[in-house]
Amino acid sequence: MDKKNSASIIYLLIFSLIFLSPVQVAAGGFGWGYMKNNEHKTPEIGKYQEMLAKYGAYYVDHSGDKVVYLTFDNGYENGFTSDILDVLKKESVPATFFVTGHYVKTEPDLIKRMVNEGHIIGNHSYHHPDLTILTKEAMKKELETLEEAVSNVSKQKEIKFLRPPRGTFNEQTLQWSNELGLTHIFWSLAFNDWNVNGQKGAKYAYDQIMAQIHPGAIILLHAISSDNAAALEQIIQELKKQGYSFKSLDDLLLKDLLPKEIYGY
């Protein structure tokens, strides 16, 4: 089996729940989901809103400002991350890359480049388990092992942001991540981009983003997608034309801490 087919099968298994509507996926866990719309409005998340607010988790910037936060999930490399980094550098756009232990182990040079070029590395756990079925100690080990791996190959010594594997979470994992100094980051814009054997072309990726874009969007993309790599520059340039600016997740946290007139929005 070649590398791309192997990656496809793995991603079909790992991410099959990500794009479902909000649903309980295990006795104690929920799968992240939201109500999509094409009206350029913040998607509704129903019962999840209270939980996220309680534990300082994010899926969107609620300010109403025309800002966008690019995030990528990286579990396996498919040859496109360098192209993505080239575009981000050319357009002076920051991003957050949520990585697994497999990615850090196999692609240390890309991790180093991400950090050196001003991007943030986020925690996607070391082995990509369902965090909601782990003990607190096991979850702590998963996250701290990934942080150590990143620290060993780059200048980033601490990780502040967590994207739970499969988007699966519950109130307990939200609380435990806070105790470990991590902030959950979900997303308000995504599409089926992770199946490497089901890519539909750059126009498809572009159209999906433009149809769902809204102020404050946290966009989830997968760096294994050839569609995303091919469409990213056009997406960024068009959003800039529409008055959007691109910020990092650090900016989002700072924005919540400082009064609007001080922060500069």
C-alpha atoms as a PDB file:
ATOM      1  CA  MET A   1       0.000   0.000   0.000  1.00  0.00           C
ATOM      2  CA  ASP A   2       1.497   3.375  -0.972  1.00  0.00           C
ATOM      3  CA  LYS A   3       1.939   6.333   1.368  1.00  0.00           C
ATOM      4  CA  LYS A   4      -1.083   8.302   0.153  1.00  0.00           C
ATOM      5  CA  ASN A   5      -3.467   5.343   0.417  1.00  0.00           C
ATOM      6  CA  SER A   6      -2.191   4.581   3.913  1.00  0.00           C
ATOM      7  CA  ALA A   7      -2.685   8.194   4.967  1.00  0.00           C
ATOM      8  CA  SER A   8      -6.183   8.179   3.501  1.00  0.00           C
ATOM      9  CA  ILE A   9      -7.255   5.105   5.450  1.00  0.00           C
ATOM     10  CA  ILE A  10      -5.821   6.493   8.671  1.00  0.00           C
ATOM     11  CA  TYR A  11      -7.600   9.828   8.231  1.00  0.00           C
ATOM     12  CA  LEU A  12     -10.880   8.138   7.346  1.00  0.00           C
ATOM     13  CA  LEU A  13     -10.703   6.338  10.685  1.00  0.00           C
ATOM     14  CA  ILE A  14      -9.408   9.227  12.757  1.00  0.00           C
ATOM     15  CA  PHE A  15     -11.545  12.079  11.478  1.00  0.00           C
ATOM     16  CA  SER A  16     -14.813  10.365  10.560  1.00  0.00           C
ATOM     17  CA  LEU A  17     -16.668  12.096  13.411  1.00  0.00           C
ATOM     18  CA  ILE A  18     -15.381  15.620  12.910  1.00  0.00           C
ATOM     19  CA  PHE A  19     -17.972  16.824  10.433  1.00  0.00           C
ATOM     20  CA  LEU A  20     -21.065  15.298  11.987  1.00  0.00           C
ATOM     21  CA  SER A  21     -23.693  17.416  13.701  1.00  0.00           C
ATOM     22  CA  PRO A  22     -23.346  17.712  17.496  1.00  0.00           C
ATOM     23  CA  VAL A  23     -23.794  14.210  18.902  1.00  0.00           C
ATOM     24  CA  GLN A  24     -22.821  12.217  21.944  1.00  0.00           C
ATOM     25  CA  VAL A  25     -20.194   9.781  20.687  1.00  0.00           C
ATOM     26  CA  ALA A  26     -19.471   7.825  23.857  1.00  0.00           C
ATOM     27  CA  ALA A  27     -20.874   7.403  27.325  1.00  0.00           C
ATOM     28  CA  GLY A  28     -18.968  10.428  28.537  1.00  0.00           C
ATOM     29  CA  GLY A  29     -17.961  12.270  25.383  1.00  0.00           C
ATOM     30  CA  PHE A  30     -19.346  14.623  22.763  1.00  0.00           C
ATOM     31  CA  GLY A  31     -18.267  15.124  19.159  1.00  0.00           C
ATOM     32  CA  TRP A  32     -17.720  18.751  18.187  1.00  0.00           C
ATOM     33  CA  GLY A  33     -20.259  20.111  15.730  1.00  0.00           C
ATOM     34  CA  TYR A  34     -22.168  23.246  14.807  1.00  0.00           C
ATOM     35  CA  MET A  35     -24.966  24.440  12.551  1.00  0.00           C
ATOM     36  CA  LYS A  36     -23.453  25.572   9.262  1.00  0.00           C
ATOM     37  CA  ASN A  37     -24.888  28.524   7.379  1.00  0.00           C
ATOM     38  CA  ASN A  38     -24.086  30.396   4.174  1.00  0.00           C
ATOM     39  CA  GLU A  39     -25.156  33.772   5.543  1.00  0.00           C
ATOM     40  CA  HIS A  40     -21.666  34.649   6.819  1.00  0.00           C
ATOM     41  CA  LYS A  41     -22.855  34.478  10.415  1.00  0.00           C
ATOM     42  CA  THR A  42     -21.297  32.776  13.421  1.00  0.00           C
ATOM     43  CA  PRO A  43     -22.522  29.161  13.533  1.00  0.00           C
ATOM     44  CA  GLU A  44     -24.708  28.167  16.450  1.00  0.00           C
ATOM     45  CA  ILE A  45     -23.405  25.491  18.826  1.00  0.00           C
ATOM     46  CA  GLY A  46     -26.389  25.082  21.128  1.00  0.00           C
ATOM     47  CA  LYS A  47     -25.711  23.379  24.451  1.00  0.00           C
ATOM     48  CA  TYR A  48     -21.963  23.520  23.940  1.00  0.00           C
ATOM     49  CA  GLN A  49     -21.841  27.309  24.364  1.00  0.00           C
ATOM     50  CA  GLU A  50     -22.285  27.188  28.133  1.00  0.00           C
ATOM     51  CA  MET A  51     -19.563  24.544  28.555  1.00  0.00           C
ATOM     52  CA  LEU A  52     -17.056  26.426  26.411  1.00  0.00           C
ATOM     53  CA  ALA A  53     -17.724  29.675  28.253  1.00  0.00           C
ATOM     54  CA  LYS A  54     -17.316  27.998  31.641  1.00  0.00           C
ATOM     55  CA  TYR A  55     -13.844  26.692  30.786  1.00  0.00           C
ATOM     56  CA  GLY A  56     -12.577  29.475  28.539  1.00  0.00           C
ATOM     57  CA  ALA A  57     -12.607  27.367  25.387  1.00  0.00           C
ATOM     58  CA  TYR A  58     -12.966  28.873  21.911  1.00  0.00           C
ATOM     59  CA  TYR A  59     -14.536  27.992  18.598  1.00  0.00           C
ATOM     60  CA  VAL A  60     -14.839  31.548  17.290  1.00  0.00           C
ATOM     61  CA  ASP A  61     -13.970  35.164  18.040  1.00  0.00           C
ATOM     62  CA  HIS A  62     -17.287  36.639  19.205  1.00  0.00           C
ATOM     63  CA  SER A  63     -16.205  40.275  18.843  1.00  0.00           C
ATOM     64  CA  GLY A  64     -17.766  40.726  15.412  1.00  0.00           C
ATOM     65  CA  ASP A  65     -14.475  42.035  14.007  1.00  0.00           C
ATOM     66  CA  LYS A  66     -13.466  40.901  10.517  1.00  0.00           C
ATOM     67  CA  VAL A  67     -10.639  38.700  11.694  1.00  0.00           C
ATOM     68  CA  VAL A  68      -9.731  35.133  10.760  1.00  0.00           C
ATOM     69  CA  TYR A  69      -7.659  32.540  12.586  1.00  0.00           C
ATOM     70  CA  LEU A  70      -6.048  29.852  10.438  1.00  0.00           C
ATOM     71  CA  THR A  71      -5.459  26.503  12.114  1.00  0.00           C
ATOM     72  CA  PHE A  72      -4.144  23.274  10.621  1.00  0.00           C
ATOM     73  CA  ASP A  73      -4.311  19.741  11.998  1.00  0.00           C
ATOM     74  CA  ASN A  74      -1.184  17.731  11.194  1.00  0.00           C
ATOM     75  CA  GLY A  75      -1.024  14.040  12.009  1.00  0.00           C
ATOM     76  CA  TYR A  76       0.734  12.810   8.879  1.00  0.00           C
ATOM     77  CA  GLU A  77       2.659  14.583   6.157  1.00  0.00           C
ATOM     78  CA  ASN A  78       1.596  14.336   2.529  1.00  0.00           C
ATOM     79  CA  GLY A  79       4.091  16.697   0.942  1.00  0.00           C
ATOM     80  CA  PHE A  80       2.057  19.920   1.022  1.00  0.00           C
ATOM     81  CA  THR A  81       3.031  21.607   4.290  1.00  0.00           C
ATOM     82  CA  SER A  82       6.090  23.292   2.790  1.00  0.00           C
ATOM     83  CA  ASP A  83       3.884  24.820   0.101  1.00  0.00           C
ATOM     84  CA  ILE A  84       1.436  25.999   2.752  1.00  0.00           C
ATOM     85  CA  LEU A  85       4.250  27.552   4.777  1.00  0.00           C
ATOM     86  CA  ASP A  86       5.546  29.293   1.639  1.00  0.00           C
ATOM     87  CA  VAL A  87       2.142  30.916   1.097  1.00  0.00           C
ATOM     88  CA  LEU A  88       1.808  31.954   4.748  1.00  0.00           C
ATOM     89  CA  LYS A  89       5.250  33.534   4.623  1.00  0.00           C
ATOM     90  CA  LYS A  90       4.557  35.343   1.362  1.00  0.00           C
ATOM     91  CA  GLU A  91       1.260  36.737   2.672  1.00  0.00           C
ATOM     92  CA  SER A  92       2.571  37.447   6.215  1.00  0.00           C
ATOM     93  CA  VAL A  93      -0.197  35.340   7.745  1.00  0.00           C
ATOM     94  CA  PRO A  94       0.185  33.535  11.094  1.00  0.00           C
ATOM     95  CA  ALA A  95      -1.242  30.089  11.737  1.00  0.00           C
ATOM     96  CA  THR A  96      -1.459  27.449  14.421  1.00  0.00           C
ATOM     97  CA  PHE A  97      -0.481  23.869  13.622  1.00  0.00           C
ATOM     98  CA  PHE A  98      -1.983  21.236  15.917  1.00  0.00           C
ATOM     99  CA  VAL A  99       0.356  18.259  15.715  1.00  0.00           C
ATOM    100  CA  THR A 100       0.556  14.684  16.970  1.00  0.00           C
ATOM    101  CA  GLY A 101       3.593  12.801  18.212  1.00  0.00           C
ATOM    102  CA  HIS A 102       3.866  10.922  14.937  1.00  0.00           C
ATOM    103  CA  TYR A 103       4.176  14.202  13.066  1.00  0.00           C
ATOM    104  CA  VAL A 104       6.818  15.616  15.401  1.00  0.00           C
ATOM    105  CA  LYS A 105       8.826  12.389  15.226  1.00  0.00           C
ATOM    106  CA  THR A 106       8.738  12.104  11.432  1.00  0.00           C
ATOM    107  CA  GLU A 107       8.845  15.805  10.447  1.00  0.00           C
ATOM    108  CA  PRO A 108      11.089  17.646  12.934  1.00  0.00           C
ATOM    109  CA  ASP A 109      12.385  20.020  10.258  1.00  0.00           C
ATOM    110  CA  LEU A 110       8.855  21.177   9.439  1.00  0.00           C
ATOM    111  CA  ILE A 111       8.100  21.697  13.138  1.00  0.00           C
ATOM    112  CA  LYS A 112      11.264  23.760  13.440  1.00  0.00           C
ATOM    113  CA  ARG A 113      10.352  25.780  10.363  1.00  0.00           C
ATOM    114  CA  MET A 114       6.827  26.491  11.646  1.00  0.00           C
ATOM    115  CA  VAL A 115       8.218  27.910  14.876  1.00  0.00           C
ATOM    116  CA  ASN A 116      11.044  29.818  13.206  1.00  0.00           C
ATOM    117  CA  GLU A 117       8.571  31.502  10.851  1.00  0.00           C
ATOM    118  CA  GLY A 118       6.393  32.719  13.695  1.00  0.00           C
ATOM    119  CA  HIS A 119       3.643  30.119  13.781  1.00  0.00           C
ATOM    120  CA  ILE A 120       2.249  28.441  16.888  1.00  0.00           C
ATOM    121  CA  ILE A 121       2.431  24.724  17.571  1.00  0.00           C
ATOM    122  CA  GLY A 122      -0.703  23.409  19.268  1.00  0.00           C
ATOM    123  CA  ASN A 123      -1.277  20.133  21.088  1.00  0.00           C
ATOM    124  CA  HIS A 124      -3.226  17.432  19.247  1.00  0.00           C
ATOM    125  CA  SER A 125      -1.981  14.782  21.742  1.00  0.00           C
ATOM    126  CA  TYR A 126       0.860  12.339  21.207  1.00  0.00           C
ATOM    127  CA  HIS A 127      -1.044   9.222  20.107  1.00  0.00           C
ATOM    128  CA  HIS A 128      -4.382  10.811  19.045  1.00  0.00           C
ATOM    129  CA  PRO A 129      -6.608   8.938  21.554  1.00  0.00           C
ATOM    130  CA  ASP A 130     -10.123   9.769  22.671  1.00  0.00           C
ATOM    131  CA  LEU A 131      -9.268  11.952  25.652  1.00  0.00           C
ATOM    132  CA  THR A 132     -12.694  11.442  27.215  1.00  0.00           C
ATOM    133  CA  ILE A 133     -11.973   7.780  28.019  1.00  0.00           C
ATOM    134  CA  LEU A 134      -8.582   8.427  29.626  1.00  0.00           C
ATOM    135  CA  THR A 135      -7.786   8.938  33.270  1.00  0.00           C
ATOM    136  CA  LYS A 136      -6.539  12.364  34.254  1.00  0.00           C
ATOM    137  CA  GLU A 137      -2.990  11.011  34.575  1.00  0.00           C
ATOM    138  CA  ALA A 138      -3.126   9.339  31.147  1.00  0.00           C
ATOM    139  CA  MET A 139      -4.418  12.527  29.536  1.00  0.00           C
ATOM    140  CA  LYS A 140      -1.680  14.514  31.252  1.00  0.00           C
ATOM    141  CA  LYS A 141       0.950  12.130  29.906  1.00  0.00           C
ATOM    142  CA  GLU A 142      -0.424  12.354  26.358  1.00  0.00           C
ATOM    143  CA  LEU A 143      -0.273  16.132  26.352  1.00  0.00           C
ATOM    144  CA  GLU A 144       2.983  16.593  28.211  1.00  0.00           C
ATOM    145  CA  THR A 145       4.753  14.008  26.043  1.00  0.00           C
ATOM    146  CA  LEU A 146       3.743  15.926  22.930  1.00  0.00           C
ATOM    147  CA  GLU A 147       4.880  19.219  24.463  1.00  0.00           C
ATOM    148  CA  GLU A 148       8.249  17.699  25.324  1.00  0.00           C
ATOM    149  CA  ALA A 149       8.636  16.313  21.801  1.00  0.00           C
ATOM    150  CA  VAL A 150       7.998  19.751  20.294  1.00  0.00           C
ATOM    151  CA  SER A 151      10.404  21.354  22.750  1.00  0.00           C
ATOM    152  CA  ASN A 152      13.117  18.892  21.789  1.00  0.00           C
ATOM    153  CA  VAL A 153      13.053  19.844  18.100  1.00  0.00           C
ATOM    154  CA  SER A 154      12.156  23.550  18.167  1.00  0.00           C
ATOM    155  CA  LYS A 155      12.453  26.801  20.076  1.00  0.00           C
ATOM    156  CA  GLN A 156       8.851  26.555  21.328  1.00  0.00           C
ATOM    157  CA  LYS A 157       9.136  25.244  24.876  1.00  0.00           C
ATOM    158  CA  GLU A 158       5.516  25.464  26.003  1.00  0.00           C
ATOM    159  CA  ILE A 159       2.164  24.721  24.394  1.00  0.00           C
ATOM    160  CA  LYS A 160      -0.901  26.744  25.321  1.00  0.00           C
ATOM    161  CA  PHE A 161      -3.574  25.442  22.963  1.00  0.00           C
ATOM    162  CA  LEU A 162      -5.249  22.047  22.673  1.00  0.00           C
ATOM    163  CA  ARG A 163      -7.368  20.639  19.872  1.00  0.00           C
ATOM    164  CA  PRO A 164      -8.794  17.338  21.104  1.00  0.00           C
ATOM    165  CA  PRO A 165      -8.463  14.333  18.776  1.00  0.00           C
ATOM    166  CA  ARG A 166     -11.592  13.787  16.666  1.00  0.00           C
ATOM    167  CA  GLY A 167     -13.029  16.934  18.265  1.00  0.00           C
ATOM    168  CA  THR A 168     -14.209  14.699  21.124  1.00  0.00           C
ATOM    169  CA  PHE A 169     -14.562  16.337  24.531  1.00  0.00           C
ATOM    170  CA  ASN A 170     -16.596  16.601  27.692  1.00  0.00           C
ATOM    171  CA  GLU A 171     -16.725  18.841  30.727  1.00  0.00           C
ATOM    172  CA  GLN A 172     -14.077  16.765  32.463  1.00  0.00           C
ATOM    173  CA  THR A 173     -11.512  17.090  29.666  1.00  0.00           C
ATOM    174  CA  LEU A 174     -12.222  20.816  29.464  1.00  0.00           C
ATOM    175  CA  GLN A 175     -11.546  21.127  33.191  1.00  0.00           C
ATOM    176  CA  TRP A 176      -8.433  18.928  33.157  1.00  0.00           C
ATOM    177  CA  SER A 177      -6.921  20.802  30.216  1.00  0.00           C
ATOM    178  CA  ASN A 178      -7.398  24.071  32.102  1.00  0.00           C
ATOM    179  CA  GLU A 179      -5.614  22.590  35.091  1.00  0.00           C
ATOM    180  CA  LEU A 180      -2.732  21.698  32.760  1.00  0.00           C
ATOM    181  CA  GLY A 181      -2.616  25.277  31.482  1.00  0.00           C
ATOM    182  CA  LEU A 182      -4.188  24.503  28.095  1.00  0.00           C
ATOM    183  CA  THR A 183      -7.030  26.230  26.262  1.00  0.00           C
ATOM    184  CA  HIS A 184      -9.327  24.158  24.047  1.00  0.00           C
ATOM    185  CA  ILE A 185      -9.581  25.440  20.469  1.00  0.00           C
ATOM    186  CA  PHE A 186     -12.432  24.091  18.352  1.00  0.00           C
ATOM    187  CA  TRP A 187     -13.488  25.632  15.025  1.00  0.00           C
ATOM    188  CA  SER A 188     -16.357  27.436  13.313  1.00  0.00           C
ATOM    189  CA  LEU A 189     -15.440  26.651   9.711  1.00  0.00           C
ATOM    190  CA  ALA A 190     -14.349  23.353   8.177  1.00  0.00           C
ATOM    191  CA  PHE A 191     -15.140  21.015   5.317  1.00  0.00           C
ATOM    192  CA  ASN A 192     -14.249  17.497   4.191  1.00  0.00           C
ATOM    193  CA  ASP A 193     -10.671  18.156   3.186  1.00  0.00           C
ATOM    194  CA  TRP A 194      -8.846  15.293   4.870  1.00  0.00           C
ATOM    195  CA  ASN A 195      -9.502  12.383   2.473  1.00  0.00           C
ATOM    196  CA  VAL A 196      -6.400  12.405   0.278  1.00  0.00           C
ATOM    197  CA  ASN A 197      -8.082  10.139  -2.273  1.00  0.00           C
ATOM    198  CA  GLY A 198     -11.166  12.350  -2.427  1.00  0.00           C
ATOM    199  CA  GLN A 199      -9.690  15.716  -3.309  1.00  0.00           C
ATOM    200  CA  LYS A 200     -11.959  17.811  -5.538  1.00  0.00           C
ATOM    201  CA  GLY A 201      -9.659  20.581  -6.708  1.00  0.00           C
ATOM    202  CA  ALA A 202      -8.583  24.018  -5.519  1.00  0.00           C
ATOM    203  CA  LYS A 203     -11.878  25.621  -6.575  1.00  0.00           C
ATOM    204  CA  TYR A 204     -13.796  23.306  -4.257  1.00  0.00           C
ATOM    205  CA  ALA A 205     -11.656  24.294  -1.272  1.00  0.00           C
ATOM    206  CA  TYR A 206     -11.941  27.979  -2.185  1.00  0.00           C
ATOM    207  CA  ASP A 207     -15.719  27.787  -2.592  1.00  0.00           C
ATOM    208  CA  GLN A 208     -16.174  25.959   0.720  1.00  0.00           C
ATOM    209  CA  ILE A 209     -14.256  28.623   2.621  1.00  0.00           C
ATOM    210  CA  MET A 210     -15.947  31.554   0.906  1.00  0.00           C
ATOM    211  CA  ALA A 211     -19.425  30.116   1.420  1.00  0.00           C
ATOM    212  CA  GLN A 212     -18.925  29.693   5.164  1.00  0.00           C
ATOM    213  CA  ILE A 213     -16.655  32.622   6.020  1.00  0.00           C
ATOM    214  CA  HIS A 214     -17.792  34.919   8.813  1.00  0.00           C
ATOM    215  CA  PRO A 215     -16.220  37.486  11.147  1.00  0.00           C
ATOM    216  CA  GLY A 216     -14.123  35.841  13.819  1.00  0.00           C
ATOM    217  CA  ALA A 217     -13.868  32.486  12.077  1.00  0.00           C
ATOM    218  CA  ILE A 218     -11.487  29.862  13.429  1.00  0.00           C
ATOM    219  CA  ILE A 219     -10.814  27.826  10.314  1.00  0.00           C
ATOM    220  CA  LEU A 220      -9.796  24.177  10.499  1.00  0.00           C
ATOM    221  CA  LEU A 221      -7.791  22.867   7.542  1.00  0.00           C
ATOM    222  CA  HIS A 222      -5.772  19.693   7.076  1.00  0.00           C
ATOM    223  CA  ALA A 223      -2.306  20.140   5.655  1.00  0.00           C
ATOM    224  CA  ILE A 224      -2.443  16.769   3.878  1.00  0.00           C
ATOM    225  CA  SER A 225      -4.955  18.241   1.420  1.00  0.00           C
ATOM    226  CA  SER A 226      -3.661  19.116  -2.038  1.00  0.00           C
ATOM    227  CA  ASP A 227      -6.808  21.233  -2.505  1.00  0.00           C
ATOM    228  CA  ASN A 228      -5.948  23.402   0.492  1.00  0.00           C
ATOM    229  CA  ALA A 229      -2.351  23.869  -0.588  1.00  0.00           C
ATOM    230  CA  ALA A 230      -3.437  24.906  -4.079  1.00  0.00           C
ATOM    231  CA  ALA A 231      -6.232  27.234  -2.933  1.00  0.00           C
ATOM    232  CA  LEU A 232      -4.676  28.865   0.121  1.00  0.00           C
ATOM    233  CA  GLU A 233      -3.051  31.853  -1.547  1.00  0.00           C
ATOM    234  CA  GLN A 234      -6.235  32.801  -3.395  1.00  0.00           C
ATOM    235  CA  ILE A 235      -8.283  32.354  -0.227  1.00  0.00           C
ATOM    236  CA  ILE A 236      -6.006  34.633   1.772  1.00  0.00           C
ATOM    237  CA  GLN A 237      -5.822  37.291  -0.924  1.00  0.00           C
ATOM    238  CA  GLU A 238      -9.585  37.354  -1.442  1.00  0.00           C
ATOM    239  CA  LEU A 239     -10.324  37.578   2.279  1.00  0.00           C
ATOM    240  CA  LYS A 240      -7.890  40.463   2.575  1.00  0.00           C
ATOM    241  CA  LYS A 241      -9.750  42.207  -0.278  1.00  0.00           C
ATOM    242  CA  GLN A 242     -12.974  41.699   1.656  1.00  0.00           C
ATOM    243  CA  GLY A 243     -11.466  43.494   4.657  1.00  0.00           C
ATOM    244  CA  TYR A 244     -10.459  40.522   6.763  1.00  0.00           C
ATOM    245  CA  SER A 245      -7.208  40.440   8.718  1.00  0.00           C
ATOM    246  CA  PHE A 246      -5.424  37.297   9.859  1.00  0.00           C
ATOM    247  CA  LYS A 247      -4.496  36.938  13.515  1.00  0.00           C
ATOM    248  CA  SER A 248      -2.881  34.306  15.700  1.00  0.00           C
ATOM    249  CA  LEU A 249      -4.518  32.496  18.603  1.00  0.00           C
ATOM    250  CA  ASP A 250      -2.236  34.475  20.912  1.00  0.00           C
ATOM    251  CA  ASP A 251      -3.983  37.598  19.606  1.00  0.00           C
ATOM    252  CA  LEU A 252      -7.353  36.046  20.402  1.00  0.00           C
ATOM    253  CA  LEU A 253      -6.383  35.433  24.026  1.00  0.00           C
ATOM    254  CA  LEU A 254      -4.900  38.913  24.360  1.00  0.00           C
ATOM    255  CA  LYS A 255      -8.001  40.418  22.832  1.00  0.00           C
ATOM    256  CA  ASP A 256     -10.134  38.871  25.561  1.00  0.00           C
ATOM    257  CA  LEU A 257      -7.817  40.131  28.291  1.00  0.00           C
ATOM    258  CA  LEU A 258      -7.489  43.756  27.192  1.00  0.00           C
ATOM    259  CA  PRO A 259     -10.172  46.412  26.662  1.00  0.00           C
ATOM    260  CA  LYS A 260     -11.030  46.929  23.017  1.00  0.00           C
ATOM    261  CA  GLU A 261      -9.681  50.481  22.897  1.00  0.00           C
ATOM    262  CA  ILE A 262      -6.315  49.322  24.249  1.00  0.00           C
ATOM    263  CA  TYR A 263      -5.997  46.254  22.036  1.00  0.00           C
ATOM    264  CA  GLY A 264      -6.575  48.342  18.940  1.00  0.00           C
ATOM    265  CA  TYR A 265      -9.653  46.834  17.263  1.00  0.00           C
END
